[in-house]
Amino acid sequence: MLEPGCRVRATPHRVRAGAASGGPKFVAVRHMRPFLLAVALMFWVSDAFGWENFPEYQSLTEVEQESFEGPSTLYSQYFSDLLAYNTPPSWEYDWLSRNKALEVNFGSLSTTRFMLANRLKIHEAISDRFEVRFTYFDESNLERQSTHHIIELIFLPWKRLGLVFYGEPAFRKPNDDTGLALMLRPNDHHEIRIFNTFVDVTRLKYPDNPDTFLEPDLPYARGIVGRTWSDASFLEYAARYETPTRWRFFNENYDYFYWKWFASFYGRRRLSDIHAAAFRIQFDRKHESRHPTGPVTAPVGNWYTNRLSTSAEWTAHSLTMGLAFAGRIWNTDRGIGFYRDWLPYLRLAVQDTWTFTYILALHQESGDEQIGIRPQFNRAFEHRLNISYGFSLKDKGRIVLLGSADLDRFGSNKTWGGGSGHLQLFF
């Protein structure tokens, strides 16, 4: 089954800044120590927090540069909401082991926002040497909005080695991405992809808006992704580097600078018919800035975002015990901000239909109010109960509906904490 539930009070918008590529570095070592310690302590610990899926297809978009990511868009229950709305690791194995699958996941974050985690894949072998794939996904939350549709042609001159040609055609051609990848297949259930994506490949020569990339700082996304799956167990590992990019906006009179690196591990191990363990960890570091080239109305400045999301869970019979952690550091020319969320949880499945999940959330935030930190929410506790009901579609998938209750406000008109819906189909 699964786990979900929540509430909100923020709108997805961000905060921005400007400086030169690479810009001045504002990170003080003493401020990084708690974050690095958390990385070390939590490396063993993963299903929460708006995970980034499909690392091989992610890249810089026009939406990314519209505003700086920061605490002003978030709220103290945000990560508790995401934990409640995410699907369990067992769903990932079902996804990996099918050639054609659809998932629709949405959860209410506020009166104006849904969290979305939708994806579709169609893999079709044309012959022993050629395969066609289509992948679509929409990952939207208060930290990021990422929507892509990828068409791939895979050529396999050898059984264990192939070449991948992929692209993302768009109505506005400057948004087209293309890429090349080397695919290794150690066995039929293990794929390794070494990729290079040419981002917005025609924008430099054929822009349809008064903006362009400036050479030599052009956007590429490069990295490696591996996935292996067997016997209800799986492992995904990934690393990606998005190259330093300089993007000039002529009408707005600023240059936008950007780079990012990303790493993740995600796995589940079935230990017996009644025992399983799962973990997930993602870390990324991003720099973005705006540097004025004339009179400018957009916010300018320099912004570094460090994000760590991790969790682990243990399942015995119908009971699952888990611990999740989310850490954020925003290091800017306006100040520094910290978010830390610890979320232990218990999940009980009853007869494969009802699932009851208790989440205890401790939220910590500190730093400069100028970038959106609210000291009054530091060390805020929340207790919530999520109740979901699942409908089996036999071997074709499942549907899960979830409601969440705020136990701290139980009995008041604010007991309702949100709801979500989840659909998984195989065809």
Protein backbone atom coordinates (compact mmCIF):
# COMPACT_ATOMS: atom_id res chain seq x y z
CA MET A 1 0.00 0.00 0.00
CA LEU A 2 1.10 3.55 0.58
CA GLU A 3 1.30 6.56 2.82
CA PRO A 4 0.07 10.18 2.37
CA GLY A 5 -1.58 13.35 4.02
CA CYS A 6 -1.14 17.17 4.56
CA ARG A 7 -1.86 20.90 4.43
CA VAL A 8 -0.18 24.17 3.38
CA ARG A 9 -0.08 27.89 3.19
CA ALA A 10 2.40 29.04 0.58
CA THR A 11 2.54 29.80 -3.08
CA PRO A 12 5.29 28.50 -5.36
CA HIS A 13 7.33 31.50 -6.22
CA ARG A 14 10.91 32.01 -5.17
CA VAL A 15 13.45 34.73 -4.61
CA ARG A 16 16.23 35.92 -6.89
CA ALA A 17 19.66 37.51 -6.97
CA GLY A 18 22.54 38.48 -9.30
CA ALA A 19 26.31 38.35 -9.67
CA ALA A 20 28.89 37.01 -12.01
CA SER A 21 29.32 33.38 -12.87
CA GLY A 22 30.88 31.62 -9.97
CA GLY A 23 30.29 34.89 -8.05
CA PRO A 24 31.48 35.61 -4.52
CA LYS A 25 31.15 32.72 -2.14
CA PHE A 26 29.18 33.46 1.01
CA VAL A 27 29.39 30.03 2.64
CA ALA A 28 31.08 30.14 6.01
CA VAL A 29 32.63 26.84 7.03
CA ARG A 30 31.05 26.99 10.48
CA HIS A 31 27.61 27.20 8.86
CA MET A 32 28.27 24.15 6.69
CA ARG A 33 29.30 21.87 9.56
CA PRO A 34 25.79 20.99 10.75
CA PHE A 35 24.77 20.20 7.21
CA LEU A 36 27.81 18.05 6.49
CA LEU A 37 27.32 16.25 9.78
CA ALA A 38 23.75 15.53 8.81
CA VAL A 39 24.95 14.09 5.51
CA ALA A 40 27.33 11.76 7.33
CA LEU A 41 24.78 10.68 9.93
CA MET A 42 21.93 10.18 7.49
CA PHE A 43 23.74 8.38 4.69
CA TRP A 44 22.31 5.08 5.85
CA VAL A 45 18.85 6.44 6.17
CA SER A 46 14.77 7.22 2.54
CA ASP A 47 10.45 7.98 1.07
CA ALA A 48 9.78 11.72 1.28
CA PHE A 49 10.30 15.24 0.03
CA GLY A 50 9.53 15.73 -3.63
CA TRP A 51 12.19 13.38 -4.90
CA GLU A 52 13.79 14.09 -8.25
CA ASN A 53 13.12 11.18 -10.61
CA PHE A 54 14.70 10.55 -14.00
CA PRO A 55 18.04 12.30 -13.29
CA GLU A 56 19.14 11.57 -16.85
CA TYR A 57 16.48 13.90 -18.31
CA GLN A 58 16.56 16.84 -15.88
CA SER A 59 18.06 20.13 -17.05
CA LEU A 60 17.85 23.92 -16.90
CA THR A 61 14.48 25.32 -18.03
CA GLU A 62 12.84 28.71 -18.41
CA VAL A 63 10.83 28.04 -15.25
CA GLU A 64 14.06 27.55 -13.29
CA GLN A 65 15.34 31.05 -13.97
CA GLU A 66 12.07 32.84 -13.14
CA SER A 67 12.78 33.05 -9.41
CA PHE A 68 15.32 31.98 -6.81
CA GLU A 69 14.54 28.96 -4.69
CA GLY A 70 14.19 29.91 -1.03
CA PRO A 71 12.35 29.55 2.29
CA SER A 72 9.81 32.24 1.46
CA THR A 73 7.92 29.66 -0.65
CA LEU A 74 7.82 26.98 2.07
CA TYR A 75 6.11 26.44 5.43
CA SER A 76 6.77 24.41 8.56
CA GLN A 77 4.56 21.41 7.61
CA TYR A 78 5.79 21.21 4.02
CA PHE A 79 8.05 18.17 4.35
CA SER A 80 5.52 16.38 6.50
CA ASP A 81 3.03 16.89 3.69
CA LEU A 82 5.39 15.50 1.07
CA LEU A 83 6.20 12.48 3.20
CA ALA A 84 2.50 11.78 3.60
CA TYR A 85 1.84 12.03 -0.14
CA ASN A 86 4.69 9.94 -1.52
CA THR A 87 4.21 6.36 -2.66
CA PRO A 88 6.11 3.52 -0.94
CA PRO A 89 9.32 2.00 -2.39
CA SER A 90 7.50 -1.19 -3.43
CA TRP A 91 5.80 0.84 -6.16
CA GLU A 92 9.20 1.64 -7.69
CA TYR A 93 9.98 -2.03 -8.32
CA ASP A 94 6.62 -2.47 -10.03
CA TRP A 95 7.44 0.53 -12.20
CA LEU A 96 10.93 -0.70 -13.16
CA SER A 97 9.83 -4.24 -13.98
CA ARG A 98 7.19 -3.14 -16.56
CA ASN A 99 7.72 -1.91 -20.10
CA LYS A 100 4.53 0.13 -20.09
CA ALA A 101 3.30 1.90 -16.97
CA LEU A 102 1.47 5.01 -15.81
CA GLU A 103 1.50 6.70 -12.41
CA VAL A 104 -0.63 9.66 -11.34
CA ASN A 105 0.07 11.11 -7.88
CA PHE A 106 -1.31 14.35 -6.50
CA GLY A 107 -1.69 15.83 -3.03
CA SER A 108 -3.20 19.07 -1.75
CA LEU A 109 -0.64 21.57 -0.49
CA SER A 110 -2.96 24.54 -0.13
CA THR A 111 -6.13 26.10 -1.47
CA THR A 112 -4.17 27.03 -4.61
CA ARG A 113 -1.49 24.32 -5.02
CA PHE A 114 -1.22 20.57 -5.64
CA MET A 115 1.92 18.48 -5.38
CA LEU A 116 2.24 16.42 -8.58
CA ALA A 117 4.38 13.36 -9.29
CA ASN A 118 3.08 11.93 -12.57
CA ARG A 119 4.95 9.72 -15.01
CA LEU A 120 4.36 7.54 -18.06
CA LYS A 121 6.68 5.16 -19.89
CA ILE A 122 6.33 3.09 -23.04
CA HIS A 123 9.21 0.82 -24.05
CA GLU A 124 8.86 -1.10 -27.32
CA ALA A 125 11.44 -3.34 -29.01
CA ILE A 126 11.34 -2.96 -32.80
CA SER A 127 13.89 -5.72 -33.36
CA ASP A 128 16.82 -7.34 -31.59
CA ARG A 129 18.90 -4.24 -32.30
CA PHE A 130 16.44 -1.35 -32.05
CA GLU A 131 14.18 -0.12 -29.28
CA VAL A 132 11.92 2.93 -29.04
CA ARG A 133 11.04 4.58 -25.72
CA PHE A 134 8.75 7.40 -24.67
CA THR A 135 8.92 8.93 -21.19
CA TYR A 136 6.78 11.67 -19.71
CA PHE A 137 6.91 13.09 -16.20
CA ASP A 138 5.63 16.07 -14.25
CA GLU A 139 7.25 16.73 -10.86
CA SER A 140 5.77 19.89 -9.37
CA ASN A 141 5.98 21.10 -5.78
CA LEU A 142 6.92 24.26 -3.91
CA GLU A 143 10.64 23.83 -4.63
CA ARG A 144 10.68 22.88 -8.29
CA GLN A 145 8.53 22.42 -11.37
CA SER A 146 9.92 19.93 -13.87
CA THR A 147 7.94 18.62 -16.84
CA HIS A 148 9.56 16.69 -19.68
CA HIS A 149 8.56 14.35 -22.52
CA ILE A 150 11.41 12.35 -24.01
CA ILE A 151 11.55 10.29 -27.21
CA GLU A 152 14.46 7.83 -27.50
CA LEU A 153 15.87 5.53 -30.14
CA ILE A 154 18.20 2.85 -28.81
CA PHE A 155 20.59 1.05 -31.16
CA LEU A 156 22.17 -2.14 -29.80
CA PRO A 157 25.01 -3.33 -32.06
CA TRP A 158 25.95 -5.70 -29.24
CA LYS A 159 23.71 -7.36 -26.67
CA ARG A 160 25.28 -5.57 -23.69
CA LEU A 161 26.25 -2.26 -25.29
CA GLY A 162 24.17 0.31 -27.11
CA LEU A 163 23.85 3.92 -28.22
CA VAL A 164 20.91 6.13 -27.25
CA PHE A 165 19.69 9.12 -29.25
CA TYR A 166 17.05 11.14 -27.43
CA GLY A 167 15.22 14.41 -27.77
CA GLU A 168 12.44 16.54 -26.38
CA PRO A 169 10.56 18.33 -29.17
CA ALA A 170 8.66 21.42 -28.06
CA PHE A 171 6.20 23.82 -29.69
CA ARG A 172 8.76 26.58 -29.15
CA LYS A 173 11.90 25.15 -30.71
CA PRO A 174 14.34 27.06 -28.45
CA ASN A 175 13.11 24.75 -25.66
CA ASP A 176 14.16 21.60 -27.53
CA ASP A 177 16.66 19.32 -25.78
CA THR A 178 18.66 16.62 -27.54
CA GLY A 179 21.17 14.15 -26.22
CA LEU A 180 23.43 11.15 -26.67
CA ALA A 181 24.06 8.33 -24.24
CA LEU A 182 26.08 5.16 -23.99
CA MET A 183 24.02 2.31 -22.55
CA LEU A 184 25.59 -0.68 -20.80
CA ARG A 185 23.54 -3.76 -19.91
CA PRO A 186 25.46 -6.05 -17.55
CA ASN A 187 22.34 -8.27 -17.56
CA ASP A 188 18.70 -8.11 -18.64
CA HIS A 189 17.72 -6.36 -15.39
CA HIS A 190 20.56 -3.85 -15.08
CA GLU A 191 21.03 -0.74 -17.21
CA ILE A 192 23.78 1.86 -16.92
CA ARG A 193 23.53 5.07 -18.91
CA ILE A 194 26.33 7.63 -19.44
CA PHE A 195 24.65 10.67 -20.94
CA ASN A 196 25.18 14.15 -22.34
CA THR A 197 22.18 16.44 -22.91
CA PHE A 198 22.39 19.52 -25.13
CA VAL A 199 19.96 21.88 -23.39
CA ASP A 200 17.75 24.21 -25.47
CA VAL A 201 19.93 23.31 -28.40
CA THR A 202 18.60 25.91 -30.89
CA ARG A 203 18.23 28.85 -28.51
CA LEU A 204 21.70 30.21 -29.26
CA LYS A 205 21.10 30.60 -33.02
CA TYR A 206 17.31 30.77 -33.31
CA PRO A 207 15.80 32.41 -30.23
CA ASP A 208 12.14 33.41 -30.48
CA ASN A 209 12.38 35.74 -27.47
CA PRO A 210 14.95 38.50 -26.84
CA ASP A 211 17.20 36.19 -24.84
CA THR A 212 20.13 33.92 -25.65
CA PHE A 213 22.94 31.89 -24.12
CA LEU A 214 26.36 33.49 -24.21
CA GLU A 215 29.34 31.46 -25.38
CA PRO A 216 31.35 29.75 -24.05
CA ASP A 217 29.00 29.27 -21.06
CA LEU A 218 26.45 26.97 -22.72
CA PRO A 219 24.17 24.54 -20.85
CA TYR A 220 24.88 20.81 -20.83
CA ALA A 221 23.69 18.10 -18.46
CA ARG A 222 26.18 15.23 -18.07
CA GLY A 223 26.22 12.24 -15.81
CA ILE A 224 25.55 8.58 -15.13
CA VAL A 225 22.45 6.67 -14.05
CA GLY A 226 22.24 2.98 -13.21
CA ARG A 227 19.23 0.84 -12.34
CA THR A 228 19.05 -2.83 -11.42
CA TRP A 229 15.96 -4.76 -10.34
CA SER A 230 15.14 -8.37 -9.49
CA ASP A 231 12.98 -10.37 -7.06
CA ALA A 232 11.06 -7.35 -5.69
CA SER A 233 14.38 -5.58 -4.97
CA PHE A 234 15.99 -2.69 -6.84
CA LEU A 235 18.80 -0.15 -6.73
CA GLU A 236 19.12 3.18 -8.54
CA TYR A 237 22.28 5.31 -8.43
CA ALA A 238 22.91 8.58 -10.24
CA ALA A 239 25.19 11.60 -10.55
CA ARG A 240 24.68 14.64 -12.78
CA TYR A 241 26.57 17.86 -13.45
CA GLU A 242 24.90 20.83 -15.16
CA THR A 243 27.58 23.06 -16.61
CA PRO A 244 28.02 26.78 -15.81
CA THR A 245 25.63 28.73 -18.02
CA ARG A 246 25.28 32.42 -18.85
CA TRP A 247 21.83 33.41 -20.11
CA ARG A 248 21.21 36.99 -21.27
CA PHE A 249 17.75 38.60 -21.15
CA PHE A 250 17.86 41.74 -23.29
CA ASN A 251 14.50 43.30 -22.39
CA GLU A 252 14.93 42.70 -18.65
CA ASN A 253 18.57 43.92 -18.70
CA TYR A 254 20.22 41.11 -16.76
CA ASP A 255 22.41 38.02 -17.18
CA TYR A 256 21.37 34.86 -15.38
CA PHE A 257 24.14 32.51 -14.20
CA TYR A 258 23.56 28.88 -13.24
CA TRP A 259 25.24 25.58 -12.39
CA LYS A 260 24.20 22.51 -10.43
CA TRP A 261 25.38 19.08 -9.37
CA PHE A 262 23.26 16.22 -8.12
CA ALA A 263 23.77 12.73 -6.64
CA SER A 264 21.35 10.07 -5.42
CA PHE A 265 20.93 6.47 -4.25
CA TYR A 266 17.60 4.68 -3.97
CA GLY A 267 17.08 1.04 -3.11
CA ARG A 268 14.84 -1.60 -1.62
CA ARG A 269 15.81 -5.10 -0.53
CA ARG A 270 13.32 -7.87 0.07
CA LEU A 271 14.86 -9.89 2.87
CA SER A 272 12.13 -12.53 3.09
CA ASP A 273 8.46 -12.94 2.30
CA ILE A 274 7.58 -10.72 5.27
CA HIS A 275 10.65 -8.48 5.71
CA ALA A 276 12.02 -5.66 3.56
CA ALA A 277 14.29 -2.64 3.97
CA ALA A 278 14.45 0.52 1.85
CA PHE A 279 16.55 3.67 1.72
CA ARG A 280 16.82 6.80 -0.36
CA ILE A 281 19.18 9.77 -0.37
CA GLN A 282 19.45 12.76 -2.69
CA PHE A 283 21.80 15.70 -2.46
CA ASP A 284 22.19 18.64 -4.80
CA ARG A 285 23.99 21.97 -4.76
CA LYS A 286 22.94 24.78 -7.05
CA HIS A 287 24.23 28.27 -7.77
CA GLU A 288 22.21 30.92 -9.54
CA SER A 289 22.56 34.67 -9.79
CA ARG A 290 21.37 37.70 -11.68
CA HIS A 291 23.79 40.39 -12.81
CA PRO A 292 22.33 43.64 -14.20
CA THR A 293 23.37 44.78 -17.68
CA GLY A 294 21.34 48.01 -17.49
CA PRO A 295 18.36 49.44 -15.58
CA VAL A 296 16.69 46.37 -14.10
CA THR A 297 13.43 45.75 -12.21
CA ALA A 298 13.93 42.04 -11.47
CA PRO A 299 15.58 41.13 -8.14
CA VAL A 300 19.34 40.68 -8.48
CA GLY A 301 21.79 38.93 -6.24
CA ASN A 302 23.72 35.70 -5.63
CA TRP A 303 22.10 32.50 -4.38
CA TYR A 304 23.40 29.06 -3.36
CA THR A 305 20.96 26.27 -2.51
CA ASN A 306 22.04 23.04 -0.78
CA ARG A 307 19.43 20.30 -0.41
CA LEU A 308 19.60 16.93 1.33
CA SER A 309 16.63 14.55 1.44
CA THR A 310 16.97 11.10 2.93
CA SER A 311 14.93 8.39 4.61
CA ALA A 312 14.98 4.72 5.50
CA GLU A 313 12.33 2.22 6.47
CA TRP A 314 12.02 -1.34 7.72
CA THR A 315 8.98 -3.52 7.06
CA ALA A 316 8.03 -6.61 9.06
CA HIS A 317 4.73 -8.29 8.27
CA SER A 318 2.26 -5.41 7.90
CA LEU A 319 4.15 -2.87 10.06
CA THR A 320 6.64 -0.37 8.65
CA MET A 321 8.94 1.81 10.76
CA GLY A 322 10.72 4.70 9.10
CA LEU A 323 12.78 7.83 9.63
CA ALA A 324 13.07 10.70 7.16
CA PHE A 325 15.20 13.84 7.20
CA ALA A 326 15.17 16.95 5.02
CA GLY A 327 17.85 19.63 5.23
CA ARG A 328 18.09 22.87 3.31
CA ILE A 329 20.71 25.64 3.36
CA TRP A 330 20.23 28.86 1.41
CA ASN A 331 23.44 30.88 1.29
CA THR A 332 22.93 34.30 -0.30
CA ASP A 333 24.22 37.84 -0.40
CA ARG A 334 21.15 38.76 1.69
CA GLY A 335 21.83 36.25 4.44
CA ILE A 336 21.78 32.55 5.32
CA GLY A 337 18.81 30.31 6.06
CA PHE A 338 18.48 26.76 7.41
CA TYR A 339 15.66 24.21 7.37
CA ARG A 340 15.94 20.86 9.17
CA ASP A 341 13.03 18.43 9.43
CA TRP A 342 13.10 15.11 11.30
CA LEU A 343 10.16 12.80 10.64
CA PRO A 344 9.88 9.37 12.29
CA TYR A 345 6.79 7.46 11.18
CA LEU A 346 4.88 4.19 11.63
CA ARG A 347 2.69 2.62 8.97
CA LEU A 348 0.26 -0.26 9.51
CA ALA A 349 -1.40 -2.06 6.59
CA VAL A 350 -4.65 -3.90 7.28
CA GLN A 351 -5.83 -6.56 4.83
CA ASP A 352 -4.11 -4.87 1.87
CA THR A 353 -6.83 -2.22 1.72
CA TRP A 354 -6.60 0.11 4.72
CA THR A 355 -3.34 1.78 5.74
CA PHE A 356 -2.83 3.88 8.88
CA THR A 357 0.27 6.09 9.14
CA TYR A 358 1.40 8.15 12.12
CA ILE A 359 3.99 10.90 11.49
CA LEU A 360 5.82 12.91 14.14
CA ALA A 361 7.42 15.98 12.57
CA LEU A 362 10.05 18.23 14.16
CA HIS A 363 10.72 21.35 12.11
CA GLN A 364 13.71 23.61 12.74
CA GLU A 365 14.45 26.84 10.88
CA SER A 366 16.94 29.59 11.57
CA GLY A 367 18.79 32.36 9.80
CA ASP A 368 18.00 35.75 8.32
CA GLU A 369 14.40 36.90 8.10
CA GLN A 370 15.29 38.94 5.02
CA ILE A 371 15.29 35.77 2.88
CA GLY A 372 12.05 34.40 4.36
CA ILE A 373 13.09 32.65 7.59
CA ARG A 374 10.39 32.77 10.32
CA PRO A 375 11.98 32.23 13.76
CA GLN A 376 8.55 31.69 15.37
CA PHE A 377 8.30 28.32 13.59
CA ASN A 378 11.66 27.04 14.88
CA ARG A 379 11.28 23.76 16.81
CA ALA A 380 7.66 23.33 15.72
CA PHE A 381 6.19 19.87 16.40
CA GLU A 382 3.37 18.26 14.49
CA HIS A 383 1.49 14.99 14.99
CA ARG A 384 -0.56 13.67 12.12
CA LEU A 385 -2.56 10.57 11.24
CA ASN A 386 -3.03 9.50 7.63
CA ILE A 387 -5.69 7.00 6.61
CA SER A 388 -5.76 5.55 3.11
CA TYR A 389 -7.88 3.01 1.28
CA GLY A 390 -6.62 1.03 -1.69
CA PHE A 391 -8.44 -0.55 -4.60
CA SER A 392 -6.67 -3.42 -6.34
CA LEU A 393 -6.90 -3.62 -10.12
CA LYS A 394 -5.46 -7.15 -9.95
CA ASP A 395 -2.38 -7.38 -12.17
CA LYS A 396 -3.26 -4.07 -13.87
CA GLY A 397 -2.39 -1.76 -10.99
CA ARG A 398 -4.03 -0.02 -8.02
CA ILE A 399 -5.80 3.11 -6.81
CA VAL A 400 -5.21 4.67 -3.38
CA LEU A 401 -7.14 7.53 -1.77
CA LEU A 402 -5.82 9.20 1.36
CA GLY A 403 -6.99 11.66 3.99
CA SER A 404 -4.87 13.28 6.70
CA ALA A 405 -5.78 14.55 10.17
CA ASP A 406 -3.85 17.08 12.26
CA LEU A 407 -3.84 15.50 15.73
CA ASP A 408 -2.67 18.74 17.33
CA ARG A 409 -5.94 20.36 16.22
CA PHE A 410 -8.13 17.29 16.58
CA GLY A 411 -11.74 18.18 17.29
CA SER A 412 -11.45 21.69 15.85
CA ASN A 413 -12.43 22.95 12.42
CA LYS A 414 -8.76 22.55 11.42
CA THR A 415 -8.57 18.80 12.03
CA TRP A 416 -8.54 18.09 8.30
CA GLY A 417 -4.95 18.09 7.10
CA GLY A 418 -5.32 17.46 3.38
CA GLY A 419 -5.70 14.56 1.00
CA SER A 420 -4.16 12.83 -1.99
CA GLY A 421 -4.88 10.39 -4.79
CA HIS A 422 -2.63 7.76 -6.37
CA LEU A 423 -3.07 5.65 -9.49
CA GLN A 424 -0.69 3.04 -10.88
CA LEU A 425 -1.54 1.24 -14.14
CA PHE A 426 0.27 -1.39 -16.19
CA PHE A 427 -0.65 -2.05 -19.80
